[in-house]
């Protein structure tokens, strides 16, 4: 039986991004929990701002097709988002919008990129809420907008500017345990949905 494949990425590509650090920790923990993490960066999927006229004239960009294939091949997806003005960053929303328009590159295989995998959300913020408002908006986009199955569990990191060591680990073991709990549920639910466990 193959391991559960979990796609992991951040909604920020900023140097020193807290959500990128969270995504990297999640990938490491997923491997320790026996899953197969696939850590990507949206920097490798450059996309113009979504424009229906542009899509009609030029089609869906190749980067959107590639991102769609990554999502479709995954059993589960962990997205770590920062919070910009009480919302998800435009980079992340734009990537999701374009991926939802993609038809799938040849050989992409897998299932529907949003109705197949199980999704889990992590969020980071220097504030006390830990990106809660961005997480709620992302949940709305995924669950209501794209009919995705999104776990109730979330991994929120408040005071993110103080949460990580220089080596990219959590300073507080309790925050790591909360993340592990979310990831364990993601692995279990993704495996069940993909038929990897009886």
N, C-alpha and C. Protein backbone atom coordinates (compact mmCIF):
# COMPACT_ATOMS: atom_id res chain seq x y z
N UNK A 1 0.84 -1.19 0.00
CA UNK A 1 0.00 0.00 0.00
C UNK A 1 0.88 1.25 0.00
N UNK A 2 0.62 2.16 -0.92
CA UNK A 2 1.45 3.35 -1.02
C UNK A 2 1.15 4.34 0.10
N UNK A 3 2.09 5.20 0.44
CA UNK A 3 1.82 6.22 1.46
C UNK A 3 0.85 7.28 0.94
N UNK A 4 0.20 7.94 1.87
CA UNK A 4 -0.73 9.01 1.52
C UNK A 4 0.06 10.22 1.03
N UNK A 5 -0.28 10.72 -0.15
CA UNK A 5 0.44 11.86 -0.74
C UNK A 5 -0.25 13.16 -0.33
N UNK A 6 0.52 14.04 0.32
CA UNK A 6 -0.03 15.30 0.80
C UNK A 6 0.74 16.47 0.15
N UNK A 7 0.06 17.23 -0.67
CA UNK A 7 0.64 18.44 -1.26
C UNK A 7 0.62 19.55 -0.22
N UNK A 8 1.75 20.24 -0.09
CA UNK A 8 1.89 21.27 0.94
C UNK A 8 2.49 22.53 0.32
N UNK A 9 1.86 23.68 0.60
CA UNK A 9 2.44 24.92 0.10
C UNK A 9 1.94 26.11 0.91
N UNK A 10 2.62 27.23 0.72
CA UNK A 10 2.32 28.47 1.41
C UNK A 10 1.65 29.45 0.46
N UNK A 11 0.83 30.32 1.02
CA UNK A 11 0.22 31.38 0.23
C UNK A 11 1.09 32.61 0.11
N UNK A 12 2.34 32.51 0.54
CA UNK A 12 3.28 33.63 0.45
C UNK A 12 4.61 33.13 -0.09
N UNK A 13 5.26 33.97 -0.90
CA UNK A 13 6.60 33.65 -1.39
C UNK A 13 7.61 34.67 -0.90
N UNK A 14 7.20 35.47 0.08
CA UNK A 14 8.09 36.48 0.65
C UNK A 14 9.28 35.82 1.34
N UNK A 15 10.46 36.41 1.19
CA UNK A 15 11.64 35.93 1.90
C UNK A 15 11.38 35.99 3.40
N UNK A 16 11.59 34.89 4.08
CA UNK A 16 11.34 34.85 5.51
C UNK A 16 9.88 34.69 5.88
N UNK A 17 9.05 34.30 4.94
CA UNK A 17 7.61 34.15 5.17
C UNK A 17 7.31 33.18 6.32
N UNK A 18 6.44 33.62 7.23
CA UNK A 18 6.05 32.75 8.34
C UNK A 18 5.23 31.57 7.85
N UNK A 19 4.36 31.81 6.87
CA UNK A 19 3.55 30.71 6.37
C UNK A 19 4.39 29.71 5.58
N UNK A 20 5.42 30.18 4.90
CA UNK A 20 6.34 29.25 4.23
C UNK A 20 7.08 28.40 5.24
N UNK A 21 7.45 29.00 6.38
CA UNK A 21 8.08 28.23 7.45
C UNK A 21 7.13 27.17 7.98
N UNK A 22 5.86 27.55 8.17
CA UNK A 22 4.85 26.59 8.64
C UNK A 22 4.67 25.46 7.64
N UNK A 23 4.63 25.78 6.35
CA UNK A 23 4.48 24.74 5.33
C UNK A 23 5.67 23.79 5.33
N UNK A 24 6.87 24.32 5.53
CA UNK A 24 8.07 23.48 5.56
C UNK A 24 8.06 22.56 6.78
N UNK A 25 7.65 23.09 7.93
CA UNK A 25 7.53 22.24 9.13
C UNK A 25 6.49 21.16 8.90
N UNK A 26 5.37 21.53 8.28
CA UNK A 26 4.32 20.56 8.01
C UNK A 26 4.84 19.43 7.12
N UNK A 27 5.61 19.77 6.10
CA UNK A 27 6.15 18.74 5.20
C UNK A 27 7.06 17.79 5.96
N UNK A 28 7.88 18.34 6.84
CA UNK A 28 8.78 17.49 7.64
C UNK A 28 7.99 16.58 8.56
N UNK A 29 6.96 17.12 9.21
CA UNK A 29 6.15 16.32 10.11
C UNK A 29 5.34 15.26 9.37
N UNK A 30 4.85 15.60 8.19
CA UNK A 30 4.12 14.62 7.39
C UNK A 30 4.98 13.40 7.07
N UNK A 31 6.24 13.65 6.75
CA UNK A 31 7.15 12.54 6.48
C UNK A 31 7.36 11.68 7.72
N UNK A 32 7.50 12.33 8.88
CA UNK A 32 7.68 11.60 10.13
C UNK A 32 6.44 10.78 10.50
N UNK A 33 5.27 11.25 10.03
CA UNK A 33 4.02 10.55 10.30
C UNK A 33 3.70 9.47 9.27
N UNK A 34 4.63 9.26 8.33
CA UNK A 34 4.48 8.18 7.37
C UNK A 34 3.80 8.54 6.06
N UNK A 35 3.52 9.82 5.87
CA UNK A 35 2.92 10.26 4.61
C UNK A 35 4.02 10.61 3.60
N UNK A 36 3.60 10.89 2.38
CA UNK A 36 4.53 11.35 1.34
C UNK A 36 4.26 12.83 1.07
N UNK A 37 5.04 13.72 1.69
CA UNK A 37 4.81 15.15 1.46
C UNK A 37 5.37 15.60 0.12
N UNK A 38 4.65 16.51 -0.53
CA UNK A 38 5.13 17.15 -1.75
C UNK A 38 5.10 18.65 -1.47
N UNK A 39 6.24 19.23 -1.17
CA UNK A 39 6.32 20.65 -0.81
C UNK A 39 6.63 21.46 -2.06
N UNK A 40 5.75 22.39 -2.39
CA UNK A 40 5.96 23.24 -3.55
C UNK A 40 5.91 24.71 -3.14
N UNK A 41 6.34 25.57 -4.04
CA UNK A 41 6.24 27.02 -3.83
C UNK A 41 5.46 27.63 -4.98
N UNK A 42 4.56 28.55 -4.67
CA UNK A 42 3.82 29.23 -5.73
C UNK A 42 4.74 30.09 -6.58
N UNK A 43 5.94 30.34 -6.12
CA UNK A 43 6.92 31.07 -6.93
C UNK A 43 7.23 30.33 -8.22
N UNK A 44 7.08 29.01 -8.19
CA UNK A 44 7.36 28.19 -9.37
C UNK A 44 6.16 28.09 -10.31
N UNK A 45 5.08 28.77 -9.96
CA UNK A 45 3.86 28.76 -10.77
C UNK A 45 3.42 30.21 -11.02
N UNK A 46 4.24 30.98 -11.74
CA UNK A 46 3.92 32.41 -11.96
C UNK A 46 2.68 32.55 -12.84
N UNK A 47 1.76 33.40 -12.40
CA UNK A 47 0.49 33.55 -13.11
C UNK A 47 0.09 35.02 -13.17
N UNK A 48 -0.50 35.44 -14.27
CA UNK A 48 -1.05 36.80 -14.32
C UNK A 48 -2.30 36.88 -13.45
N UNK A 49 -2.72 38.09 -13.11
CA UNK A 49 -4.00 38.26 -12.42
C UNK A 49 -5.10 37.68 -13.30
N UNK A 50 -6.00 36.91 -12.68
CA UNK A 50 -7.03 36.26 -13.48
C UNK A 50 -7.87 37.29 -14.23
N UNK A 51 -8.07 37.02 -15.51
CA UNK A 51 -8.83 37.91 -16.39
C UNK A 51 -9.55 37.01 -17.40
N UNK A 52 -10.86 37.03 -17.38
CA UNK A 52 -11.63 36.16 -18.28
C UNK A 52 -11.35 36.47 -19.74
N UNK A 53 -11.10 37.75 -20.07
CA UNK A 53 -10.77 38.09 -21.45
C UNK A 53 -9.42 37.49 -21.85
N UNK A 54 -8.46 37.55 -20.93
CA UNK A 54 -7.15 36.95 -21.20
C UNK A 54 -7.29 35.44 -21.39
N UNK A 55 -8.10 34.82 -20.56
CA UNK A 55 -8.32 33.37 -20.70
C UNK A 55 -8.95 33.05 -22.05
N UNK A 56 -9.91 33.86 -22.47
CA UNK A 56 -10.58 33.62 -23.75
C UNK A 56 -9.62 33.79 -24.92
N UNK A 57 -8.70 34.75 -24.81
CA UNK A 57 -7.78 35.04 -25.91
C UNK A 57 -6.59 34.09 -25.95
N UNK A 58 -6.06 33.74 -24.78
CA UNK A 58 -4.80 32.98 -24.73
C UNK A 58 -4.93 31.61 -24.08
N UNK A 59 -6.07 31.32 -23.47
CA UNK A 59 -6.23 30.05 -22.79
C UNK A 59 -5.66 30.11 -21.38
N UNK A 60 -5.72 28.99 -20.70
CA UNK A 60 -5.21 28.88 -19.33
C UNK A 60 -3.69 28.75 -19.37
N UNK A 61 -2.96 29.53 -18.58
CA UNK A 61 -1.49 29.44 -18.58
C UNK A 61 -1.00 28.05 -18.19
N UNK A 62 0.15 27.68 -18.72
CA UNK A 62 0.72 26.37 -18.42
C UNK A 62 0.95 26.19 -16.93
N UNK A 63 1.36 27.26 -16.24
CA UNK A 63 1.60 27.15 -14.80
C UNK A 63 0.33 26.76 -14.05
N UNK A 64 -0.82 27.23 -14.50
CA UNK A 64 -2.09 26.87 -13.87
C UNK A 64 -2.41 25.40 -14.12
N UNK A 65 -2.13 24.93 -15.32
CA UNK A 65 -2.33 23.51 -15.62
C UNK A 65 -1.43 22.64 -14.75
N UNK A 66 -0.19 23.08 -14.56
CA UNK A 66 0.75 22.32 -13.74
C UNK A 66 0.32 22.30 -12.28
N UNK A 67 -0.15 23.44 -11.78
CA UNK A 67 -0.62 23.49 -10.40
C UNK A 67 -1.86 22.62 -10.24
N UNK A 68 -2.75 22.67 -11.20
CA UNK A 68 -3.95 21.84 -11.17
C UNK A 68 -3.57 20.36 -11.09
N UNK A 69 -2.56 19.96 -11.86
CA UNK A 69 -2.14 18.56 -11.85
C UNK A 69 -1.55 18.16 -10.50
N UNK A 70 -0.80 19.06 -9.88
CA UNK A 70 -0.25 18.78 -8.54
C UNK A 70 -1.39 18.54 -7.55
N UNK A 71 -2.41 19.38 -7.61
CA UNK A 71 -3.55 19.22 -6.72
C UNK A 71 -4.30 17.92 -7.00
N UNK A 72 -4.49 17.62 -8.28
CA UNK A 72 -5.27 16.44 -8.66
C UNK A 72 -4.58 15.13 -8.29
N UNK A 73 -3.26 15.15 -8.25
CA UNK A 73 -2.50 13.94 -7.94
C UNK A 73 -2.37 13.71 -6.43
N UNK A 74 -2.77 14.68 -5.63
CA UNK A 74 -2.63 14.57 -4.18
C UNK A 74 -3.84 13.90 -3.54
N UNK A 75 -3.60 13.18 -2.45
CA UNK A 75 -4.68 12.64 -1.64
C UNK A 75 -5.19 13.70 -0.67
N UNK A 76 -4.28 14.56 -0.24
CA UNK A 76 -4.62 15.63 0.68
C UNK A 76 -3.79 16.86 0.38
N UNK A 77 -4.24 18.01 0.87
CA UNK A 77 -3.54 19.27 0.63
C UNK A 77 -3.51 20.07 1.93
N UNK A 78 -2.31 20.55 2.29
CA UNK A 78 -2.17 21.45 3.43
C UNK A 78 -1.71 22.80 2.90
N UNK A 79 -2.53 23.83 3.14
CA UNK A 79 -2.20 25.19 2.70
C UNK A 79 -1.96 26.05 3.92
N UNK A 80 -0.81 26.71 3.96
CA UNK A 80 -0.48 27.65 5.03
C UNK A 80 -0.62 29.07 4.48
N UNK A 81 -1.52 29.85 5.05
CA UNK A 81 -1.77 31.18 4.52
C UNK A 81 -1.41 32.27 5.52
N UNK A 82 -0.81 33.35 5.06
CA UNK A 82 -0.72 34.54 5.90
C UNK A 82 -2.04 35.29 5.84
N UNK A 83 -2.14 36.37 6.60
CA UNK A 83 -3.34 37.20 6.59
C UNK A 83 -2.97 38.60 6.14
N UNK A 84 -3.58 39.05 5.04
CA UNK A 84 -3.37 40.40 4.53
C UNK A 84 -4.69 41.16 4.67
N UNK A 85 -4.72 42.18 5.50
CA UNK A 85 -5.93 42.99 5.67
C UNK A 85 -7.16 42.13 5.93
N UNK A 86 -7.01 41.19 6.86
CA UNK A 86 -8.10 40.31 7.29
C UNK A 86 -8.57 39.37 6.18
N UNK A 87 -7.69 39.05 5.23
CA UNK A 87 -8.09 38.20 4.11
C UNK A 87 -6.89 37.38 3.63
N UNK A 88 -7.16 36.46 2.69
CA UNK A 88 -6.07 35.69 2.10
C UNK A 88 -5.29 36.59 1.15
N UNK A 89 -4.01 36.32 0.95
CA UNK A 89 -3.22 37.15 0.03
C UNK A 89 -3.67 36.95 -1.41
N UNK A 90 -3.54 37.99 -2.23
CA UNK A 90 -3.96 37.87 -3.63
C UNK A 90 -3.20 36.79 -4.39
N UNK A 91 -1.95 36.54 -4.05
CA UNK A 91 -1.18 35.48 -4.70
C UNK A 91 -1.90 34.14 -4.58
N UNK A 92 -2.34 33.81 -3.39
CA UNK A 92 -3.00 32.53 -3.14
C UNK A 92 -4.36 32.46 -3.82
N UNK A 93 -5.16 33.51 -3.66
CA UNK A 93 -6.48 33.51 -4.28
C UNK A 93 -6.38 33.41 -5.80
N UNK A 94 -5.42 34.12 -6.38
CA UNK A 94 -5.25 34.08 -7.83
C UNK A 94 -4.83 32.70 -8.31
N UNK A 95 -3.93 32.05 -7.55
CA UNK A 95 -3.49 30.70 -7.92
C UNK A 95 -4.66 29.72 -7.88
N UNK A 96 -5.49 29.83 -6.85
CA UNK A 96 -6.66 28.95 -6.75
C UNK A 96 -7.64 29.22 -7.89
N UNK A 97 -7.86 30.51 -8.19
CA UNK A 97 -8.79 30.85 -9.27
C UNK A 97 -8.32 30.27 -10.60
N UNK A 98 -7.04 30.42 -10.91
CA UNK A 98 -6.52 29.89 -12.17
C UNK A 98 -6.57 28.36 -12.19
N UNK A 99 -6.20 27.73 -11.08
CA UNK A 99 -6.23 26.26 -11.04
C UNK A 99 -7.64 25.73 -11.22
N UNK A 100 -8.62 26.49 -10.75
CA UNK A 100 -10.00 26.05 -10.91
C UNK A 100 -10.47 26.15 -12.36
N UNK A 101 -9.78 26.94 -13.17
CA UNK A 101 -10.12 27.09 -14.57
C UNK A 101 -9.37 26.09 -15.47
N UNK A 102 -8.31 25.50 -14.93
CA UNK A 102 -7.49 24.59 -15.73
C UNK A 102 -8.23 23.28 -15.98
N UNK A 103 -7.92 22.66 -17.11
CA UNK A 103 -8.58 21.41 -17.49
C UNK A 103 -7.74 20.19 -17.16
N UNK A 104 -6.47 20.42 -16.90
CA UNK A 104 -5.59 19.30 -16.58
C UNK A 104 -4.61 19.03 -17.70
N UNK A 105 -3.33 19.07 -17.37
CA UNK A 105 -2.30 18.79 -18.36
C UNK A 105 -2.27 17.30 -18.68
N UNK A 106 -1.84 16.93 -19.90
CA UNK A 106 -1.73 15.51 -20.25
C UNK A 106 -0.82 14.79 -19.25
N UNK A 107 -1.26 13.64 -18.78
CA UNK A 107 -0.48 12.89 -17.81
C UNK A 107 -0.68 13.35 -16.39
N UNK A 108 -1.52 14.40 -16.20
CA UNK A 108 -1.76 14.89 -14.85
C UNK A 108 -2.46 13.88 -13.97
N UNK A 109 -3.36 13.12 -14.59
CA UNK A 109 -4.03 12.03 -13.89
C UNK A 109 -4.75 12.50 -12.65
N UNK A 110 -4.91 11.57 -11.72
CA UNK A 110 -5.55 11.91 -10.46
C UNK A 110 -7.03 12.19 -10.62
N UNK A 111 -7.56 12.89 -9.63
CA UNK A 111 -8.99 13.17 -9.59
C UNK A 111 -9.22 14.67 -9.69
N UNK A 112 -10.45 15.07 -9.47
CA UNK A 112 -10.78 16.49 -9.50
C UNK A 112 -9.87 17.23 -8.51
N UNK A 113 -9.24 18.32 -8.92
CA UNK A 113 -8.25 18.98 -8.06
C UNK A 113 -8.82 19.58 -6.79
N UNK A 114 -10.12 19.78 -6.71
CA UNK A 114 -10.71 20.33 -5.50
C UNK A 114 -11.72 19.39 -4.85
N UNK A 115 -12.34 18.51 -5.61
CA UNK A 115 -13.31 17.58 -5.03
C UNK A 115 -12.67 16.25 -4.66
N UNK A 116 -11.43 16.01 -5.10
CA UNK A 116 -10.76 14.76 -4.78
C UNK A 116 -10.01 14.79 -3.47
N UNK A 117 -9.02 15.66 -3.34
CA UNK A 117 -8.22 15.68 -2.11
C UNK A 117 -9.00 16.21 -0.90
N UNK A 118 -8.52 15.88 0.28
CA UNK A 118 -9.00 16.49 1.51
C UNK A 118 -8.07 17.66 1.82
N UNK A 119 -8.63 18.79 2.22
CA UNK A 119 -7.84 20.00 2.47
C UNK A 119 -7.76 20.30 3.97
N UNK A 120 -6.61 20.81 4.38
CA UNK A 120 -6.43 21.32 5.73
C UNK A 120 -5.76 22.69 5.63
N UNK A 121 -6.09 23.56 6.57
CA UNK A 121 -5.62 24.93 6.53
C UNK A 121 -4.74 25.24 7.73
N UNK A 122 -3.62 25.90 7.45
CA UNK A 122 -2.79 26.49 8.49
C UNK A 122 -2.74 27.98 8.23
N UNK A 123 -2.51 28.77 9.26
CA UNK A 123 -2.44 30.22 9.07
C UNK A 123 -1.45 30.82 10.06
N UNK A 124 -0.85 31.93 9.66
CA UNK A 124 0.13 32.62 10.49
C UNK A 124 -0.14 34.11 10.49
N UNK A 125 0.16 34.74 11.61
CA UNK A 125 0.02 36.19 11.71
C UNK A 125 0.82 36.67 12.90
N UNK A 126 1.42 37.86 12.81
CA UNK A 126 2.05 38.43 13.99
C UNK A 126 1.03 38.77 15.08
N UNK A 127 -0.25 38.87 14.73
CA UNK A 127 -1.29 39.21 15.68
C UNK A 127 -1.73 38.05 16.54
N UNK A 128 -2.65 38.34 17.46
CA UNK A 128 -3.09 37.35 18.44
C UNK A 128 -4.03 36.29 17.87
N UNK A 129 -4.67 36.58 16.72
CA UNK A 129 -5.63 35.63 16.16
C UNK A 129 -4.98 34.57 15.27
N UNK A 130 -3.72 34.74 14.96
CA UNK A 130 -3.02 33.71 14.19
C UNK A 130 -3.51 33.53 12.78
N UNK A 131 -4.02 34.60 12.17
CA UNK A 131 -4.50 34.49 10.80
C UNK A 131 -5.87 33.86 10.68
N UNK A 132 -6.64 33.89 11.76
CA UNK A 132 -7.95 33.25 11.78
C UNK A 132 -8.87 33.75 10.66
N UNK A 133 -8.88 35.06 10.42
CA UNK A 133 -9.78 35.61 9.41
C UNK A 133 -9.39 35.16 8.00
N UNK A 134 -8.09 35.08 7.74
CA UNK A 134 -7.64 34.55 6.44
C UNK A 134 -8.01 33.09 6.29
N UNK A 135 -7.87 32.33 7.38
CA UNK A 135 -8.22 30.91 7.35
C UNK A 135 -9.70 30.72 7.06
N UNK A 136 -10.54 31.57 7.64
CA UNK A 136 -11.98 31.47 7.40
C UNK A 136 -12.32 31.82 5.95
N UNK A 137 -11.64 32.82 5.41
CA UNK A 137 -11.89 33.19 4.02
C UNK A 137 -11.43 32.08 3.09
N UNK A 138 -10.27 31.49 3.37
CA UNK A 138 -9.78 30.39 2.54
C UNK A 138 -10.73 29.20 2.62
N UNK A 139 -11.25 28.93 3.80
CA UNK A 139 -12.22 27.85 3.95
C UNK A 139 -13.46 28.12 3.09
N UNK A 140 -13.92 29.35 3.07
CA UNK A 140 -15.09 29.71 2.26
C UNK A 140 -14.81 29.50 0.78
N UNK A 141 -13.64 29.94 0.32
CA UNK A 141 -13.28 29.77 -1.09
C UNK A 141 -13.25 28.30 -1.47
N UNK A 142 -12.62 27.48 -0.63
CA UNK A 142 -12.47 26.06 -0.94
C UNK A 142 -13.79 25.29 -0.79
N UNK A 143 -14.45 25.46 0.35
CA UNK A 143 -15.64 24.67 0.64
C UNK A 143 -16.87 25.16 -0.10
N UNK A 144 -17.13 26.45 -0.06
CA UNK A 144 -18.33 26.99 -0.70
C UNK A 144 -18.12 27.25 -2.19
N UNK A 145 -16.95 27.78 -2.52
CA UNK A 145 -16.70 28.13 -3.91
C UNK A 145 -16.36 26.95 -4.79
N UNK A 146 -15.65 25.96 -4.22
CA UNK A 146 -15.13 24.86 -5.04
C UNK A 146 -15.58 23.48 -4.56
N UNK A 147 -16.46 23.44 -3.57
CA UNK A 147 -17.02 22.18 -3.05
C UNK A 147 -15.95 21.23 -2.53
N UNK A 148 -14.87 21.78 -2.00
CA UNK A 148 -13.81 20.96 -1.44
C UNK A 148 -14.18 20.51 -0.04
N UNK A 149 -13.65 19.36 0.36
CA UNK A 149 -13.79 18.88 1.73
C UNK A 149 -12.64 19.47 2.55
N UNK A 150 -12.97 20.34 3.50
CA UNK A 150 -11.97 21.02 4.31
C UNK A 150 -12.13 20.58 5.76
N UNK A 151 -11.06 20.12 6.37
CA UNK A 151 -11.12 19.67 7.75
C UNK A 151 -11.54 20.79 8.70
N UNK A 152 -12.24 20.43 9.76
CA UNK A 152 -12.58 21.40 10.79
C UNK A 152 -11.32 21.87 11.53
N UNK A 153 -10.38 20.96 11.73
CA UNK A 153 -9.15 21.30 12.42
C UNK A 153 -8.33 22.32 11.62
N UNK A 154 -7.74 23.27 12.32
CA UNK A 154 -6.86 24.26 11.70
C UNK A 154 -5.61 24.40 12.55
N UNK A 155 -4.51 24.77 11.90
CA UNK A 155 -3.25 24.99 12.62
C UNK A 155 -2.91 26.47 12.53
N UNK A 156 -3.32 27.23 13.53
CA UNK A 156 -3.10 28.67 13.52
C UNK A 156 -1.91 29.04 14.40
N UNK A 157 -1.10 29.95 13.91
CA UNK A 157 0.11 30.36 14.62
C UNK A 157 0.05 31.85 14.92
N UNK A 158 -0.36 32.24 16.12
CA UNK A 158 -0.33 33.65 16.50
C UNK A 158 1.08 34.09 16.86
N UNK A 159 1.30 35.39 16.90
CA UNK A 159 2.64 35.93 17.22
C UNK A 159 3.70 35.23 16.39
N UNK A 160 3.42 35.09 15.09
CA UNK A 160 4.29 34.28 14.23
C UNK A 160 5.72 34.84 14.14
N UNK A 161 5.89 36.13 14.37
CA UNK A 161 7.23 36.72 14.32
C UNK A 161 8.10 36.25 15.47
N UNK A 162 7.49 35.60 16.48
CA UNK A 162 8.23 35.08 17.62
C UNK A 162 8.11 33.56 17.74
N UNK A 163 7.41 32.93 16.80
CA UNK A 163 7.04 31.52 16.97
C UNK A 163 8.12 30.53 16.52
N UNK A 164 9.04 30.98 15.67
CA UNK A 164 9.98 30.05 15.05
C UNK A 164 11.43 30.34 15.43
N UNK A 165 12.22 29.29 15.45
CA UNK A 165 13.65 29.44 15.68
C UNK A 165 14.33 29.84 14.38
N UNK A 166 15.59 30.23 14.46
CA UNK A 166 16.35 30.57 13.26
C UNK A 166 16.51 29.37 12.34
N UNK A 167 16.40 28.17 12.89
CA UNK A 167 16.52 26.95 12.10
C UNK A 167 15.21 26.55 11.45
N UNK A 168 14.13 27.31 11.72
CA UNK A 168 12.85 27.02 11.09
C UNK A 168 12.02 25.99 11.80
N UNK A 169 12.17 25.90 13.12
CA UNK A 169 11.35 25.00 13.93
C UNK A 169 10.48 25.82 14.88
N UNK A 170 9.47 25.19 15.45
CA UNK A 170 8.67 25.86 16.46
C UNK A 170 9.47 26.02 17.75
N UNK A 171 9.31 27.15 18.39
CA UNK A 171 9.90 27.34 19.72
C UNK A 171 9.06 26.64 20.78
N UNK A 172 7.75 26.62 20.57
CA UNK A 172 6.81 26.08 21.54
C UNK A 172 6.34 24.69 21.11
N UNK A 173 6.61 23.69 21.91
CA UNK A 173 6.21 22.32 21.59
C UNK A 173 4.70 22.18 21.46
N UNK A 174 3.94 23.02 22.18
CA UNK A 174 2.49 22.92 22.11
C UNK A 174 1.98 23.30 20.72
N UNK A 175 2.61 24.27 20.10
CA UNK A 175 2.21 24.63 18.73
C UNK A 175 2.51 23.50 17.76
N UNK A 176 3.64 22.84 17.97
CA UNK A 176 3.99 21.70 17.12
C UNK A 176 2.97 20.58 17.29
N UNK A 177 2.56 20.34 18.52
CA UNK A 177 1.58 19.28 18.76
C UNK A 177 0.23 19.59 18.12
N UNK A 178 -0.15 20.87 18.14
CA UNK A 178 -1.40 21.25 17.47
C UNK A 178 -1.32 21.00 15.97
N UNK A 179 -0.18 21.33 15.39
CA UNK A 179 0.02 21.07 13.96
C UNK A 179 -0.01 19.58 13.68
N UNK A 180 0.67 18.80 14.51
CA UNK A 180 0.67 17.35 14.32
C UNK A 180 -0.73 16.77 14.37
N UNK A 181 -1.55 17.29 15.28
CA UNK A 181 -2.92 16.80 15.38
C UNK A 181 -3.69 17.04 14.10
N UNK A 182 -3.54 18.24 13.53
CA UNK A 182 -4.19 18.56 12.27
C UNK A 182 -3.68 17.65 11.15
N UNK A 183 -2.38 17.43 11.12
CA UNK A 183 -1.79 16.62 10.06
C UNK A 183 -2.18 15.15 10.19
N UNK A 184 -2.28 14.65 11.40
CA UNK A 184 -2.72 13.26 11.59
C UNK A 184 -4.13 13.08 11.04
N UNK A 185 -5.00 14.02 11.35
CA UNK A 185 -6.37 13.94 10.84
C UNK A 185 -6.38 14.04 9.31
N UNK A 186 -5.56 14.93 8.78
CA UNK A 186 -5.48 15.07 7.32
C UNK A 186 -5.02 13.78 6.66
N UNK A 187 -4.01 13.15 7.21
CA UNK A 187 -3.51 11.88 6.66
C UNK A 187 -4.61 10.82 6.71
N UNK A 188 -5.26 10.69 7.87
CA UNK A 188 -6.29 9.66 8.05
C UNK A 188 -7.46 9.87 7.09
N UNK A 189 -7.96 11.10 7.03
CA UNK A 189 -9.12 11.38 6.18
C UNK A 189 -8.78 11.28 4.70
N UNK A 190 -7.56 11.71 4.35
CA UNK A 190 -7.14 11.61 2.95
C UNK A 190 -6.99 10.17 2.53
N UNK A 191 -6.43 9.34 3.41
CA UNK A 191 -6.26 7.93 3.10
C UNK A 191 -7.61 7.23 2.95
N UNK A 192 -8.54 7.56 3.83
CA UNK A 192 -9.87 6.96 3.74
C UNK A 192 -10.56 7.36 2.44
N UNK A 193 -10.48 8.62 2.10
CA UNK A 193 -11.15 9.10 0.88
C UNK A 193 -10.51 8.50 -0.37
N UNK A 194 -9.20 8.28 -0.32
CA UNK A 194 -8.50 7.74 -1.48
C UNK A 194 -8.57 6.21 -1.51
N UNK A 195 -9.20 5.60 -0.50
CA UNK A 195 -9.33 4.15 -0.47
C UNK A 195 -8.03 3.44 -0.14
N UNK A 196 -7.13 4.13 0.60
CA UNK A 196 -5.85 3.53 0.94
C UNK A 196 -5.92 2.70 2.21
N UNK A 197 -7.06 2.84 2.93
CA UNK A 197 -7.23 2.06 4.16
C UNK A 197 -8.62 1.43 4.16
N UNK A 198 -8.69 0.26 4.72
CA UNK A 198 -9.98 -0.45 4.78
C UNK A 198 -10.86 0.16 5.87
